[in-house]
Amino acid sequence: MAARTVVVSAMGPNDDIAARIFASIAALPLHEQADAIHALIGSALKQMPLETIHEIRAEIRGQFSDDIPIVRSTLDLIDGQLALREIAGAAIWR
C-alpha cells in the first residue's frame, strides 16, 4: 500500500469565514468600509470577555500607528465598549 500524504491547510473554517467577511468589506466603496468594520467589531466586542478586549486593544496598538484614522476610530470604539462595561458594572449591558 502506498503512503498517503496529508496536507494541512493553514486556513481553517473560521479563517475562511473571516476571509469572506473581509473580502465583502473590501468590495464596498471606500467611504463605507470603516462603518462596516466598526459594525463588525462592535458586534463582536459585545460578546467578548473583558480580558480578550484588552488583549485585542493591545495587539492593535502594538501593530498599527494610531495616527491612521481607522485605527484611531477602532481604538475609540474599543475604549467606548470598555467604558460601558465599567459604568454598567454587574448589570446586563449587552
PDB file of N, CA and C in Angstrom:
ATOM      1  N   MET A   1       0.849  -1.177   0.000  1.00  0.00           N
ATOM      2  CA  MET A   1       0.000   0.000   0.000  1.00  0.00           C
ATOM      3  C   MET A   1       0.898   1.246   0.000  1.00  0.00           C
ATOM      4  N   ALA A   2       0.616   2.192  -0.847  1.00  0.00           N
ATOM      5  CA  ALA A   2       1.412   3.413  -0.957  1.00  0.00           C
ATOM      6  C   ALA A   2       1.123   4.344   0.217  1.00  0.00           C
ATOM      7  N   ALA A   3       2.142   5.079   0.616  1.00  0.00           N
ATOM      8  CA  ALA A   3       1.981   6.047   1.710  1.00  0.00           C
ATOM      9  C   ALA A   3       1.137   7.216   1.234  1.00  0.00           C
ATOM     10  N   ARG A   4       0.290   7.688   2.121  1.00  0.00           N
ATOM     11  CA  ARG A   4      -0.557   8.838   1.789  1.00  0.00           C
ATOM     12  C   ARG A   4       0.058  10.107   2.344  1.00  0.00           C
ATOM     13  N   THR A   5      -0.020  11.150   1.594  1.00  0.00           N
ATOM     14  CA  THR A   5       0.437  12.451   2.061  1.00  0.00           C
ATOM     15  C   THR A   5      -0.782  13.254   2.480  1.00  0.00           C
ATOM     16  N   VAL A   6      -0.719  13.764   3.692  1.00  0.00           N
ATOM     17  CA  VAL A   6      -1.808  14.591   4.196  1.00  0.00           C
ATOM     18  C   VAL A   6      -1.339  16.030   4.197  1.00  0.00           C
ATOM     19  N   VAL A   7      -2.094  16.880   3.572  1.00  0.00           N
ATOM     20  CA  VAL A   7      -1.765  18.300   3.524  1.00  0.00           C
ATOM     21  C   VAL A   7      -2.687  19.030   4.488  1.00  0.00           C
ATOM     22  N   VAL A   8      -2.093  19.771   5.398  1.00  0.00           N
ATOM     23  CA  VAL A   8      -2.875  20.541   6.361  1.00  0.00           C
ATOM     24  C   VAL A   8      -2.911  21.984   5.891  1.00  0.00           C
ATOM     25  N   SER A   9      -4.107  22.476   5.717  1.00  0.00           N
ATOM     26  CA  SER A   9      -4.275  23.855   5.276  1.00  0.00           C
ATOM     27  C   SER A   9      -4.108  24.792   6.454  1.00  0.00           C
ATOM     28  N   ALA A  10      -3.404  25.876   6.246  1.00  0.00           N
ATOM     29  CA  ALA A  10      -3.241  26.872   7.300  1.00  0.00           C
ATOM     30  C   ALA A  10      -4.535  27.630   7.548  1.00  0.00           C
ATOM     31  N   MET A  11      -5.418  27.618   6.591  1.00  0.00           N
ATOM     32  CA  MET A  11      -6.666  28.352   6.736  1.00  0.00           C
ATOM     33  C   MET A  11      -7.784  27.383   7.096  1.00  0.00           C
ATOM     34  N   GLY A  12      -8.262  27.452   8.320  1.00  0.00           N
ATOM     35  CA  GLY A  12      -9.342  26.600   8.775  1.00  0.00           C
ATOM     36  C   GLY A  12     -10.681  27.208   8.429  1.00  0.00           C
ATOM     37  N   PRO A  13     -11.763  26.543   8.855  1.00  0.00           N
ATOM     38  CA  PRO A  13     -13.104  27.042   8.530  1.00  0.00           C
ATOM     39  C   PRO A  13     -13.361  28.459   9.045  1.00  0.00           C
ATOM     40  N   ASN A  14     -12.876  28.773  10.242  1.00  0.00           N
ATOM     41  CA  ASN A  14     -13.082  30.120  10.775  1.00  0.00           C
ATOM     42  C   ASN A  14     -12.311  31.162   9.982  1.00  0.00           C
ATOM     43  N   ASP A  15     -11.115  30.797   9.517  1.00  0.00           N
ATOM     44  CA  ASP A  15     -10.335  31.716   8.693  1.00  0.00           C
ATOM     45  C   ASP A  15     -11.013  31.948   7.351  1.00  0.00           C
ATOM     46  N   ASP A  16     -11.643  30.912   6.817  1.00  0.00           N
ATOM     47  CA  ASP A  16     -12.350  31.043   5.545  1.00  0.00           C
ATOM     48  C   ASP A  16     -13.518  32.020   5.693  1.00  0.00           C
ATOM     49  N   ILE A  17     -14.234  31.909   6.791  1.00  0.00           N
ATOM     50  CA  ILE A  17     -15.341  32.836   7.045  1.00  0.00           C
ATOM     51  C   ILE A  17     -14.801  34.251   7.188  1.00  0.00           C
ATOM     52  N   ALA A  18     -13.721  34.412   7.944  1.00  0.00           N
ATOM     53  CA  ALA A  18     -13.122  35.736   8.117  1.00  0.00           C
ATOM     54  C   ALA A  18     -12.657  36.304   6.782  1.00  0.00           C
ATOM     55  N   ALA A  19     -12.054  35.464   5.961  1.00  0.00           N
ATOM     56  CA  ALA A  19     -11.587  35.925   4.648  1.00  0.00           C
ATOM     57  C   ALA A  19     -12.757  36.394   3.789  1.00  0.00           C
ATOM     58  N   ARG A  20     -13.870  35.683   3.854  1.00  0.00           N
ATOM     59  CA  ARG A  20     -15.051  36.096   3.083  1.00  0.00           C
ATOM     60  C   ARG A  20     -15.625  37.405   3.599  1.00  0.00           C
ATOM     61  N   ILE A  21     -15.648  37.564   4.918  1.00  0.00           N
ATOM     62  CA  ILE A  21     -16.151  38.808   5.501  1.00  0.00           C
ATOM     63  C   ILE A  21     -15.271  39.977   5.070  1.00  0.00           C
ATOM     64  N   PHE A  22     -13.955  39.803   5.184  1.00  0.00           N
ATOM     65  CA  PHE A  22     -13.048  40.884   4.805  1.00  0.00           C
ATOM     66  C   PHE A  22     -13.119  41.179   3.315  1.00  0.00           C
ATOM     67  N   ALA A  23     -13.305  40.159   2.491  1.00  0.00           N
ATOM     68  CA  ALA A  23     -13.453  40.380   1.050  1.00  0.00           C
ATOM     69  C   ALA A  23     -14.721  41.168   0.756  1.00  0.00           C
ATOM     70  N   SER A  24     -15.791  40.868   1.496  1.00  0.00           N
ATOM     71  CA  SER A  24     -17.049  41.609   1.317  1.00  0.00           C
ATOM     72  C   SER A  24     -16.877  43.071   1.704  1.00  0.00           C
ATOM     73  N   ILE A  25     -16.170  43.301   2.797  1.00  0.00           N
ATOM     74  CA  ILE A  25     -15.923  44.681   3.234  1.00  0.00           C
ATOM     75  C   ILE A  25     -15.054  45.407   2.214  1.00  0.00           C
ATOM     76  N   ALA A  26     -14.034  44.724   1.709  1.00  0.00           N
ATOM     77  CA  ALA A  26     -13.136  45.337   0.722  1.00  0.00           C
ATOM     78  C   ALA A  26     -13.868  45.687  -0.568  1.00  0.00           C
ATOM     79  N   ALA A  27     -14.960  44.982  -0.853  1.00  0.00           N
ATOM     80  CA  ALA A  27     -15.724  45.251  -2.075  1.00  0.00           C
ATOM     81  C   ALA A  27     -16.618  46.485  -1.942  1.00  0.00           C
ATOM     82  N   LEU A  28     -16.814  46.948  -0.721  1.00  0.00           N
ATOM     83  CA  LEU A  28     -17.644  48.142  -0.502  1.00  0.00           C
ATOM     84  C   LEU A  28     -16.915  49.389  -0.983  1.00  0.00           C
ATOM     85  N   PRO A  29     -17.658  50.444  -1.276  1.00  0.00           N
ATOM     86  CA  PRO A  29     -16.999  51.721  -1.576  1.00  0.00           C
ATOM     87  C   PRO A  29     -16.164  52.144  -0.361  1.00  0.00           C
ATOM     88  N   LEU A  30     -15.068  52.783  -0.626  1.00  0.00           N
ATOM     89  CA  LEU A  30     -14.120  53.146   0.429  1.00  0.00           C
ATOM     90  C   LEU A  30     -14.784  53.875   1.592  1.00  0.00           C
ATOM     91  N   HIS A  31     -15.692  54.785   1.297  1.00  0.00           N
ATOM     92  CA  HIS A  31     -16.319  55.574   2.356  1.00  0.00           C
ATOM     93  C   HIS A  31     -17.251  54.743   3.237  1.00  0.00           C
ATOM     94  N   GLU A  32     -17.618  53.527   2.808  1.00  0.00           N
ATOM     95  CA  GLU A  32     -18.481  52.654   3.604  1.00  0.00           C
ATOM     96  C   GLU A  32     -17.700  51.585   4.375  1.00  0.00           C
ATOM     97  N   GLN A  33     -16.431  51.412   4.040  1.00  0.00           N
ATOM     98  CA  GLN A  33     -15.646  50.344   4.654  1.00  0.00           C
ATOM     99  C   GLN A  33     -15.455  50.537   6.151  1.00  0.00           C
ATOM    100  N   ALA A  34     -15.162  51.754   6.584  1.00  0.00           N
ATOM    101  CA  ALA A  34     -14.933  51.997   8.010  1.00  0.00           C
ATOM    102  C   ALA A  34     -16.190  51.684   8.820  1.00  0.00           C
ATOM    103  N   ASP A  35     -17.357  52.099   8.316  1.00  0.00           N
ATOM    104  CA  ASP A  35     -18.611  51.801   9.019  1.00  0.00           C
ATOM    105  C   ASP A  35     -18.839  50.297   9.121  1.00  0.00           C
ATOM    106  N   ALA A  36     -18.541  49.576   8.060  1.00  0.00           N
ATOM    107  CA  ALA A  36     -18.722  48.126   8.065  1.00  0.00           C
ATOM    108  C   ALA A  36     -17.766  47.457   9.050  1.00  0.00           C
ATOM    109  N   ILE A  37     -16.532  47.918   9.075  1.00  0.00           N
ATOM    110  CA  ILE A  37     -15.547  47.367  10.019  1.00  0.00           C
ATOM    111  C   ILE A  37     -15.986  47.648  11.449  1.00  0.00           C
ATOM    112  N   HIS A  38     -16.436  48.864  11.712  1.00  0.00           N
ATOM    113  CA  HIS A  38     -16.885  49.210  13.065  1.00  0.00           C
ATOM    114  C   HIS A  38     -18.109  48.406  13.481  1.00  0.00           C
ATOM    115  N   ALA A  39     -19.030  48.180  12.562  1.00  0.00           N
ATOM    116  CA  ALA A  39     -20.218  47.382  12.871  1.00  0.00           C
ATOM    117  C   ALA A  39     -19.818  45.945  13.226  1.00  0.00           C
ATOM    118  N   LEU A  40     -18.898  45.398  12.459  1.00  0.00           N
ATOM    119  CA  LEU A  40     -18.423  44.038  12.705  1.00  0.00           C
ATOM    120  C   LEU A  40     -17.702  43.941  14.045  1.00  0.00           C
ATOM    121  N   ILE A  41     -16.784  44.843  14.279  1.00  0.00           N
ATOM    122  CA  ILE A  41     -16.015  44.825  15.526  1.00  0.00           C
ATOM    123  C   ILE A  41     -16.922  45.117  16.717  1.00  0.00           C
ATOM    124  N   GLY A  42     -17.807  46.089  16.567  1.00  0.00           N
ATOM    125  CA  GLY A  42     -18.707  46.444  17.660  1.00  0.00           C
ATOM    126  C   GLY A  42     -19.580  45.280  18.091  1.00  0.00           C
ATOM    127  N   SER A  43     -20.077  44.519  17.139  1.00  0.00           N
ATOM    128  CA  SER A  43     -20.895  43.340  17.460  1.00  0.00           C
ATOM    129  C   SER A  43     -20.073  42.286  18.179  1.00  0.00           C
ATOM    130  N   ALA A  44     -18.864  42.067  17.714  1.00  0.00           N
ATOM    131  CA  ALA A  44     -18.003  41.054  18.333  1.00  0.00           C
ATOM    132  C   ALA A  44     -17.583  41.474  19.747  1.00  0.00           C
ATOM    133  N   LEU A  45     -17.277  42.751  19.931  1.00  0.00           N
ATOM    134  CA  LEU A  45     -16.846  43.228  21.249  1.00  0.00           C
ATOM    135  C   LEU A  45     -17.881  42.954  22.330  1.00  0.00           C
ATOM    136  N   LYS A  46     -19.129  43.068  21.974  1.00  0.00           N
ATOM    137  CA  LYS A  46     -20.199  42.872  22.954  1.00  0.00           C
ATOM    138  C   LYS A  46     -20.230  41.449  23.491  1.00  0.00           C
ATOM    139  N   GLN A  47     -19.678  40.519  22.747  1.00  0.00           N
ATOM    140  CA  GLN A  47     -19.697  39.111  23.145  1.00  0.00           C
ATOM    141  C   GLN A  47     -18.398  38.658  23.811  1.00  0.00           C
ATOM    142  N   MET A  48     -17.359  39.461  23.742  1.00  0.00           N
ATOM    143  CA  MET A  48     -16.040  39.058  24.228  1.00  0.00           C
ATOM    144  C   MET A  48     -15.877  39.290  25.722  1.00  0.00           C
ATOM    145  N   PRO A  49     -15.091  38.413  26.349  1.00  0.00           N
ATOM    146  CA  PRO A  49     -14.724  38.675  27.745  1.00  0.00           C
ATOM    147  C   PRO A  49     -13.828  39.914  27.822  1.00  0.00           C
ATOM    148  N   LEU A  50     -13.858  40.561  28.941  1.00  0.00           N
ATOM    149  CA  LEU A  50     -13.108  41.801  29.149  1.00  0.00           C
ATOM    150  C   LEU A  50     -11.617  41.635  28.857  1.00  0.00           C
ATOM    151  N   GLU A  51     -11.027  40.566  29.335  1.00  0.00           N
ATOM    152  CA  GLU A  51      -9.584  40.384  29.126  1.00  0.00           C
ATOM    153  C   GLU A  51      -9.244  40.215  27.651  1.00  0.00           C
ATOM    154  N   THR A  52     -10.130  39.606  26.878  1.00  0.00           N
ATOM    155  CA  THR A  52      -9.900  39.461  25.441  1.00  0.00           C
ATOM    156  C   THR A  52      -9.931  40.822  24.758  1.00  0.00           C
ATOM    157  N   ILE A  53     -10.840  41.675  25.179  1.00  0.00           N
ATOM    158  CA  ILE A  53     -10.911  43.025  24.607  1.00  0.00           C
ATOM    159  C   ILE A  53      -9.615  43.783  24.885  1.00  0.00           C
ATOM    160  N   HIS A  54      -9.110  43.669  26.108  1.00  0.00           N
ATOM    161  CA  HIS A  54      -7.839  44.332  26.441  1.00  0.00           C
ATOM    162  C   HIS A  54      -6.692  43.773  25.595  1.00  0.00           C
ATOM    163  N   GLU A  55      -6.675  42.459  25.377  1.00  0.00           N
ATOM    164  CA  GLU A  55      -5.625  41.849  24.557  1.00  0.00           C
ATOM    165  C   GLU A  55      -5.693  42.345  23.110  1.00  0.00           C
ATOM    166  N   ILE A  56      -6.896  42.417  22.570  1.00  0.00           N
ATOM    167  CA  ILE A  56      -7.068  42.883  21.189  1.00  0.00           C
ATOM    168  C   ILE A  56      -6.638  44.341  21.072  1.00  0.00           C
ATOM    169  N   ARG A  57      -7.024  45.149  22.047  1.00  0.00           N
ATOM    170  CA  ARG A  57      -6.636  46.560  22.027  1.00  0.00           C
ATOM    171  C   ARG A  57      -5.117  46.699  22.032  1.00  0.00           C
ATOM    172  N   ALA A  58      -4.467  45.923  22.902  1.00  0.00           N
ATOM    173  CA  ALA A  58      -3.001  45.970  22.990  1.00  0.00           C
ATOM    174  C   ALA A  58      -2.354  45.502  21.688  1.00  0.00           C
ATOM    175  N   GLU A  59      -2.935  44.491  21.077  1.00  0.00           N
ATOM    176  CA  GLU A  59      -2.395  43.988  19.813  1.00  0.00           C
ATOM    177  C   GLU A  59      -2.521  45.030  18.705  1.00  0.00           C
ATOM    178  N   ILE A  60      -3.666  45.688  18.628  1.00  0.00           N
ATOM    179  CA  ILE A  60      -3.855  46.742  17.629  1.00  0.00           C
ATOM    180  C   ILE A  60      -2.857  47.865  17.857  1.00  0.00           C
ATOM    181  N   ARG A  61      -2.717  48.289  19.108  1.00  0.00           N
ATOM    182  CA  ARG A  61      -1.761  49.375  19.418  1.00  0.00           C
ATOM    183  C   ARG A  61      -0.332  48.981  19.092  1.00  0.00           C
ATOM    184  N   GLY A  62      -0.018  47.689  19.297  1.00  0.00           N
ATOM    185  CA  GLY A  62       1.336  47.219  19.031  1.00  0.00           C
ATOM    186  C   GLY A  62       1.664  47.079  17.556  1.00  0.00           C
ATOM    187  N   GLN A  63       0.649  46.863  16.738  1.00  0.00           N
ATOM    188  CA  GLN A  63       0.890  46.596  15.324  1.00  0.00           C
ATOM    189  C   GLN A  63       0.654  47.785  14.403  1.00  0.00           C
ATOM    190  N   PHE A  64      -0.163  48.731  14.851  1.00  0.00           N
ATOM    191  CA  PHE A  64      -0.538  49.832  13.963  1.00  0.00           C
ATOM    192  C   PHE A  64      -0.363  51.180  14.651  1.00  0.00           C
ATOM    193  N   SER A  65      -0.071  52.182  13.874  1.00  0.00           N
ATOM    194  CA  SER A  65       0.021  53.537  14.381  1.00  0.00           C
ATOM    195  C   SER A  65      -1.390  54.092  14.590  1.00  0.00           C
ATOM    196  N   ASP A  66      -1.606  54.719  15.736  1.00  0.00           N
ATOM    197  CA  ASP A  66      -2.943  55.279  15.957  1.00  0.00           C
ATOM    198  C   ASP A  66      -3.132  56.610  15.245  1.00  0.00           C
ATOM    199  N   ASP A  67      -2.168  56.968  14.395  1.00  0.00           N
ATOM    200  CA  ASP A  67      -2.328  58.128  13.514  1.00  0.00           C
ATOM    201  C   ASP A  67      -3.206  57.778  12.305  1.00  0.00           C
ATOM    202  N   ILE A  68      -3.390  56.481  12.054  1.00  0.00           N
ATOM    203  CA  ILE A  68      -4.217  56.029  10.948  1.00  0.00           C
ATOM    204  C   ILE A  68      -5.677  56.156  11.393  1.00  0.00           C
ATOM    205  N   PRO A  69      -6.495  56.881  10.648  1.00  0.00           N
ATOM    206  CA  PRO A  69      -7.864  57.151  11.096  1.00  0.00           C
ATOM    207  C   PRO A  69      -8.690  55.919  11.471  1.00  0.00           C
ATOM    208  N   ILE A  70      -8.635  54.848  10.685  1.00  0.00           N
ATOM    209  CA  ILE A  70      -9.431  53.665  11.011  1.00  0.00           C
ATOM    210  C   ILE A  70      -8.921  53.000  12.291  1.00  0.00           C
ATOM    211  N   VAL A  71      -7.624  53.063  12.517  1.00  0.00           N
ATOM    212  CA  VAL A  71      -7.056  52.503  13.746  1.00  0.00           C
ATOM    213  C   VAL A  71      -7.511  53.339  14.938  1.00  0.00           C
ATOM    214  N   ARG A  72      -7.407  54.660  14.802  1.00  0.00           N
ATOM    215  CA  ARG A  72      -7.821  55.546  15.898  1.00  0.00           C
ATOM    216  C   ARG A  72      -9.301  55.358  16.231  1.00  0.00           C
ATOM    217  N   SER A  73     -10.136  55.291  15.208  1.00  0.00           N
ATOM    218  CA  SER A  73     -11.567  55.152  15.464  1.00  0.00           C
ATOM    219  C   SER A  73     -11.908  53.766  16.020  1.00  0.00           C
ATOM    220  N   THR A  74     -11.154  52.750  15.625  1.00  0.00           N
ATOM    221  CA  THR A  74     -11.366  51.410  16.184  1.00  0.00           C
ATOM    222  C   THR A  74     -10.959  51.376  17.646  1.00  0.00           C
ATOM    223  N   LEU A  75      -9.851  52.011  17.979  1.00  0.00           N
ATOM    224  CA  LEU A  75      -9.435  52.097  19.391  1.00  0.00           C
ATOM    225  C   LEU A  75     -10.472  52.869  20.206  1.00  0.00           C
ATOM    226  N   ASP A  76     -11.036  53.925  19.613  1.00  0.00           N
ATOM    227  CA  ASP A  76     -12.101  54.675  20.296  1.00  0.00           C
ATOM    228  C   ASP A  76     -13.329  53.797  20.537  1.00  0.00           C
ATOM    229  N   LEU A  77     -13.664  52.974  19.548  1.00  0.00           N
ATOM    230  CA  LEU A  77     -14.784  52.047  19.686  1.00  0.00           C
ATOM    231  C   LEU A  77     -14.531  51.058  20.826  1.00  0.00           C
ATOM    232  N   ILE A  78     -13.325  50.512  20.868  1.00  0.00           N
ATOM    233  CA  ILE A  78     -12.962  49.579  21.936  1.00  0.00           C
ATOM    234  C   ILE A  78     -13.005  50.280  23.287  1.00  0.00           C
ATOM    235  N   ASP A  79     -12.446  51.480  23.359  1.00  0.00           N
ATOM    236  CA  ASP A  79     -12.466  52.232  24.613  1.00  0.00           C
ATOM    237  C   ASP A  79     -13.893  52.527  25.066  1.00  0.00           C
ATOM    238  N   GLY A  80     -14.769  52.799  24.110  1.00  0.00           N
ATOM    239  CA  GLY A  80     -16.172  53.036  24.438  1.00  0.00           C
ATOM    240  C   GLY A  80     -16.820  51.797  25.035  1.00  0.00           C
ATOM    241  N   GLN A  81     -16.526  50.636  24.463  1.00  0.00           N
ATOM    242  CA  GLN A  81     -17.066  49.390  24.993  1.00  0.00           C
ATOM    243  C   GLN A  81     -16.539  49.127  26.407  1.00  0.00           C
ATOM    244  N   LEU A  82     -15.254  49.399  26.615  1.00  0.00           N
ATOM    245  CA  LEU A  82     -14.674  49.225  27.951  1.00  0.00           C
ATOM    246  C   LEU A  82     -15.328  50.173  28.954  1.00  0.00           C
ATOM    247  N   ALA A  83     -15.589  51.409  28.536  1.00  0.00           N
ATOM    248  CA  ALA A  83     -16.237  52.384  29.415  1.00  0.00           C
ATOM    249  C   ALA A  83     -17.664  51.958  29.753  1.00  0.00           C
ATOM    250  N   LEU A  84     -18.394  51.469  28.763  1.00  0.00           N
ATOM    251  CA  LEU A  84     -19.761  50.997  29.008  1.00  0.00           C
ATOM    252  C   LEU A  84     -19.778  49.866  30.032  1.00  0.00           C
ATOM    253  N   ARG A  85     -18.838  48.962  29.909  1.00  0.00           N
ATOM    254  CA  ARG A  85     -18.776  47.854  30.858  1.00  0.00           C
ATOM    255  C   ARG A  85     -18.430  48.337  32.256  1.00  0.00           C
ATOM    256  N   GLU A  86     -17.543  49.307  32.334  1.00  0.00           N
ATOM    257  CA  GLU A  86     -17.187  49.851  33.646  1.00  0.00           C
ATOM    258  C   GLU A  86     -18.384  50.545  34.285  1.00  0.00           C
ATOM    259  N   ILE A  87     -19.111  51.320  33.512  1.00  0.00           N
ATOM    260  CA  ILE A  87     -20.294  52.028  34.017  1.00  0.00           C
ATOM    261  C   ILE A  87     -21.380  51.022  34.433  1.00  0.00           C
ATOM    262  N   ALA A  88     -21.578  50.001  33.613  1.00  0.00           N
ATOM    263  CA  ALA A  88     -22.650  49.035  33.873  1.00  0.00           C
ATOM    264  C   ALA A  88     -22.346  48.137  35.061  1.00  0.00           C
ATOM    265  N   GLY A  89     -21.085  47.936  35.354  1.00  0.00           N
ATOM    266  CA  GLY A  89     -20.734  47.053  36.458  1.00  0.00           C
ATOM    267  C   GLY A  89     -21.263  45.656  36.210  1.00  0.00           C
ATOM    268  N   ALA A  90     -22.018  45.130  37.181  1.00  0.00           N
ATOM    269  CA  ALA A  90     -22.552  43.775  37.079  1.00  0.00           C
ATOM    270  C   ALA A  90     -23.855  43.715  36.308  1.00  0.00           C
ATOM    271  N   ALA A  91     -24.377  44.870  35.908  1.00  0.00           N
ATOM    272  CA  ALA A  91     -25.646  44.889  35.183  1.00  0.00           C
ATOM    273  C   ALA A  91     -25.495  44.257  33.801  1.00  0.00           C
ATOM    274  N   ILE A  92     -26.598  43.863  33.231  1.00  0.00           N
ATOM    275  CA  ILE A  92     -26.580  43.336  31.868  1.00  0.00           C
ATOM    276  C   ILE A  92     -26.415  44.518  30.928  1.00  0.00           C
ATOM    277  N   TRP A  93     -25.378  44.534  30.140  1.00  0.00           N
ATOM    278  CA  TRP A  93     -25.024  45.696  29.313  1.00  0.00           C
ATOM    279  C   TRP A  93     -25.138  45.395  27.826  1.00  0.00           C
ATOM    280  N   ARG A  94     -25.374  44.177  27.443  1.00  0.00           N
ATOM    281  CA  ARG A  94     -25.406  43.818  26.023  1.00  0.00           C
ATOM    282  C   ARG A  94     -26.721  44.228  25.467  1.00  0.00           C
TER     283      ARG A  94
END
